[in-house]
């Protein structure tokens, strides 16, 4: 008497990739962008600029709603501009910051794939 055994194939341990994962350079860039956003003050500043007429605001209009001194606000705006979320233009003694078109979409596009 010989018995035959059915061979059971194990289920795959992981789902297959359906798109290209982040490469090292792209992950570094995304981490830099997200680090710039990973601060409550900077998120509030972005939201105020985005909600302003023409998606642009003067530094003088940002100190009161945030409740921080102008040098601190300028520091946070410099980080956001360096990450490419805001552009800066000088008018007289004041600096104006504008939302860079498509900057926020870059982050969501990478995460969405």
C-alpha atoms as a PDB file:
ATOM      1  CA  UNK A   1       0.000   0.000   0.000  1.00  0.00           C
ATOM      2  CA  UNK A   2       1.321   3.267  -1.000  1.00  0.00           C
ATOM      3  CA  UNK A   3      -0.236   6.501   0.073  1.00  0.00           C
ATOM      4  CA  UNK A   4       0.069   9.665  -1.892  1.00  0.00           C
ATOM      5  CA  UNK A   5       0.427  12.922  -0.114  1.00  0.00           C
ATOM      6  CA  UNK A   6      -0.972  16.121  -1.497  1.00  0.00           C
ATOM      7  CA  UNK A   7       1.599  18.872  -1.475  1.00  0.00           C
ATOM      8  CA  UNK A   8       0.178  22.073  -0.076  1.00  0.00           C
ATOM      9  CA  UNK A   9       1.763  25.211  -1.426  1.00  0.00           C
ATOM     10  CA  UNK A  10       2.332  27.829   1.247  1.00  0.00           C
ATOM     11  CA  UNK A  11       0.663  31.166   0.736  1.00  0.00           C
ATOM     12  CA  UNK A  12       2.905  34.027  -0.243  1.00  0.00           C
ATOM     13  CA  UNK A  13       4.174  35.876   2.802  1.00  0.00           C
ATOM     14  CA  UNK A  14       3.906  39.299   1.244  1.00  0.00           C
ATOM     15  CA  UNK A  15       1.788  41.002  -1.338  1.00  0.00           C
ATOM     16  CA  UNK A  16       3.668  41.740  -4.555  1.00  0.00           C
ATOM     17  CA  UNK A  17       4.671  45.317  -5.296  1.00  0.00           C
ATOM     18  CA  UNK A  18       2.243  47.084  -7.571  1.00  0.00           C
ATOM     19  CA  UNK A  19       4.439  50.111  -8.187  1.00  0.00           C
ATOM     20  CA  UNK A  20       8.040  51.205  -7.877  1.00  0.00           C
ATOM     21  CA  UNK A  21       8.985  51.913  -4.242  1.00  0.00           C
ATOM     22  CA  UNK A  22      10.885  55.058  -3.273  1.00  0.00           C
ATOM     23  CA  UNK A  23      14.546  55.077  -4.154  1.00  0.00           C
ATOM     24  CA  UNK A  24      17.152  56.339  -1.699  1.00  0.00           C
ATOM     25  CA  UNK A  25      17.478  59.815  -3.262  1.00  0.00           C
ATOM     26  CA  UNK A  26      13.708  60.261  -3.548  1.00  0.00           C
ATOM     27  CA  UNK A  27      13.273  59.170   0.083  1.00  0.00           C
ATOM     28  CA  UNK A  28      15.908  61.704   1.179  1.00  0.00           C
ATOM     29  CA  UNK A  29      14.127  64.497  -0.718  1.00  0.00           C
ATOM     30  CA  UNK A  30      10.734  63.511   0.673  1.00  0.00           C
ATOM     31  CA  UNK A  31      12.116  63.313   4.220  1.00  0.00           C
ATOM     32  CA  UNK A  32      13.519  66.845   3.866  1.00  0.00           C
ATOM     33  CA  UNK A  33      10.118  68.119   2.693  1.00  0.00           C
ATOM     34  CA  UNK A  34       8.251  66.326   5.441  1.00  0.00           C
ATOM     35  CA  UNK A  35      10.710  67.552   8.071  1.00  0.00           C
ATOM     36  CA  UNK A  36       9.911  71.114   6.993  1.00  0.00           C
ATOM     37  CA  UNK A  37       6.204  70.344   7.426  1.00  0.00           C
ATOM     38  CA  UNK A  38       6.598  68.463  10.704  1.00  0.00           C
ATOM     39  CA  UNK A  39       6.162  71.526  12.873  1.00  0.00           C
ATOM     40  CA  UNK A  40       2.816  72.935  14.067  1.00  0.00           C
ATOM     41  CA  UNK A  41       3.924  76.554  13.559  1.00  0.00           C
ATOM     42  CA  UNK A  42       5.047  75.897   9.973  1.00  0.00           C
ATOM     43  CA  UNK A  43       1.803  74.067   9.188  1.00  0.00           C
ATOM     44  CA  UNK A  44      -0.171  77.036  10.520  1.00  0.00           C
ATOM     45  CA  UNK A  45       1.935  79.492   8.514  1.00  0.00           C
ATOM     46  CA  UNK A  46       1.364  77.484   5.327  1.00  0.00           C
ATOM     47  CA  UNK A  47      -2.361  77.372   5.971  1.00  0.00           C
ATOM     48  CA  UNK A  48      -2.529  81.138   6.566  1.00  0.00           C
ATOM     49  CA  UNK A  49      -0.574  81.897   3.389  1.00  0.00           C
ATOM     50  CA  UNK A  50      -2.707  79.423   1.407  1.00  0.00           C
ATOM     51  CA  UNK A  51      -5.908  81.025   2.753  1.00  0.00           C
ATOM     52  CA  UNK A  52      -4.728  84.593   2.061  1.00  0.00           C
ATOM     53  CA  UNK A  53      -5.775  86.628  -0.956  1.00  0.00           C
ATOM     54  CA  UNK A  54      -3.641  85.482  -3.873  1.00  0.00           C
ATOM     55  CA  UNK A  55      -2.084  82.822  -1.610  1.00  0.00           C
ATOM     56  CA  UNK A  56       0.429  85.432  -0.484  1.00  0.00           C
ATOM     57  CA  UNK A  57       1.063  87.113   2.882  1.00  0.00           C
ATOM     58  CA  UNK A  58       3.417  89.668   4.377  1.00  0.00           C
ATOM     59  CA  UNK A  59       5.488  88.701   7.391  1.00  0.00           C
ATOM     60  CA  UNK A  60       3.817  91.616   9.177  1.00  0.00           C
ATOM     61  CA  UNK A  61       0.449  89.832   8.761  1.00  0.00           C
ATOM     62  CA  UNK A  62       1.685  86.534  10.187  1.00  0.00           C
ATOM     63  CA  UNK A  63       3.065  87.479  13.598  1.00  0.00           C
ATOM     64  CA  UNK A  64      -0.246  88.258  15.309  1.00  0.00           C
ATOM     65  CA  UNK A  65      -2.231  85.130  14.297  1.00  0.00           C
ATOM     66  CA  UNK A  66       0.697  82.858  15.197  1.00  0.00           C
ATOM     67  CA  UNK A  67       1.568  84.728  18.394  1.00  0.00           C
ATOM     68  CA  UNK A  68       5.327  84.614  17.913  1.00  0.00           C
ATOM     69  CA  UNK A  69       7.922  87.345  17.376  1.00  0.00           C
ATOM     70  CA  UNK A  70       8.827  88.392  13.842  1.00  0.00           C
ATOM     71  CA  UNK A  71      12.343  86.823  13.943  1.00  0.00           C
ATOM     72  CA  UNK A  72      10.844  83.448  14.896  1.00  0.00           C
ATOM     73  CA  UNK A  73       8.210  83.706  12.163  1.00  0.00           C
ATOM     74  CA  UNK A  74      10.946  84.622   9.658  1.00  0.00           C
ATOM     75  CA  UNK A  75      12.974  81.575  10.725  1.00  0.00           C
ATOM     76  CA  UNK A  76      10.038  79.238  10.063  1.00  0.00           C
ATOM     77  CA  UNK A  77       9.257  80.945   6.745  1.00  0.00           C
ATOM     78  CA  UNK A  78      12.891  80.551   5.678  1.00  0.00           C
ATOM     79  CA  UNK A  79      12.660  76.789   6.313  1.00  0.00           C
ATOM     80  CA  UNK A  80       9.439  76.551   4.298  1.00  0.00           C
ATOM     81  CA  UNK A  81      10.967  78.567   1.463  1.00  0.00           C
ATOM     82  CA  UNK A  82      14.111  76.432   1.521  1.00  0.00           C
ATOM     83  CA  UNK A  83      11.978  73.307   1.172  1.00  0.00           C
ATOM     84  CA  UNK A  84      10.230  74.834  -1.833  1.00  0.00           C
ATOM     85  CA  UNK A  85       6.793  75.388  -0.307  1.00  0.00           C
ATOM     86  CA  UNK A  86       6.961  79.194  -0.314  1.00  0.00           C
ATOM     87  CA  UNK A  87       8.594  81.811  -2.497  1.00  0.00           C
ATOM     88  CA  UNK A  88       9.826  85.130  -1.081  1.00  0.00           C
ATOM     89  CA  UNK A  89       9.726  88.601  -2.546  1.00  0.00           C
ATOM     90  CA  UNK A  90      10.890  91.835  -0.932  1.00  0.00           C
ATOM     91  CA  UNK A  91       8.713  94.973  -1.123  1.00  0.00           C
ATOM     92  CA  UNK A  92      10.168  97.908   0.690  1.00  0.00           C
ATOM     93  CA  UNK A  93      11.108  96.785   4.168  1.00  0.00           C
ATOM     94  CA  UNK A  94       8.733  93.806   4.212  1.00  0.00           C
ATOM     95  CA  UNK A  95       9.074  90.290   2.873  1.00  0.00           C
ATOM     96  CA  UNK A  96       6.085  88.653   1.232  1.00  0.00           C
ATOM     97  CA  UNK A  97       5.701  84.898   1.015  1.00  0.00           C
ATOM     98  CA  UNK A  98       3.604  83.104  -1.584  1.00  0.00           C
ATOM     99  CA  UNK A  99       2.616  79.473  -1.870  1.00  0.00           C
ATOM    100  CA  UNK A 100       4.567  77.781  -4.664  1.00  0.00           C
ATOM    101  CA  UNK A 101       2.035  76.253  -7.072  1.00  0.00           C
ATOM    102  CA  UNK A 102       2.052  72.460  -6.845  1.00  0.00           C
ATOM    103  CA  UNK A 103       4.477  72.294  -3.902  1.00  0.00           C
ATOM    104  CA  UNK A 104       2.062  70.551  -1.535  1.00  0.00           C
ATOM    105  CA  UNK A 105       0.844  68.235  -4.285  1.00  0.00           C
ATOM    106  CA  UNK A 106       4.413  66.911  -4.719  1.00  0.00           C
ATOM    107  CA  UNK A 107       4.296  65.399  -1.239  1.00  0.00           C
ATOM    108  CA  UNK A 108       0.871  63.818  -1.687  1.00  0.00           C
ATOM    109  CA  UNK A 109       1.725  62.518  -5.180  1.00  0.00           C
ATOM    110  CA  UNK A 110       4.776  60.652  -3.918  1.00  0.00           C
ATOM    111  CA  UNK A 111       2.795  59.087  -1.094  1.00  0.00           C
ATOM    112  CA  UNK A 112      -0.105  58.160  -3.357  1.00  0.00           C
ATOM    113  CA  UNK A 113       2.114  56.708  -6.048  1.00  0.00           C
END
